[in-house]
Amino acid sequence: MPKDSGDRQLEIVPANLLDRQFAAERPHQKWIIDFTYLRTAEGWLNVAARIDLFSRLAVGCSMSTA
């Protein structure tokens, strides 16, 4: 798995707007992003998904090798 040094430039880290409040009253009110790394025969693949907290369904996804 690709290594994460943990170094962050605090001035570019976005504020935590949800503050662990994961309930939504209507669609497209709150989205979260989740990502993971998958090992493939050709190397690591980054996979990300955007999830609507109202429906709990993925409303977008992306894959990349970089």
Foldseek 3Di string as FASTA:
>chain_A
DDDDPPDDDVVPDDDPPCPPVLEDDDWPPDKDKDWDWDQDPVGIKIKMFIATSHVRDTPDIDIDPD
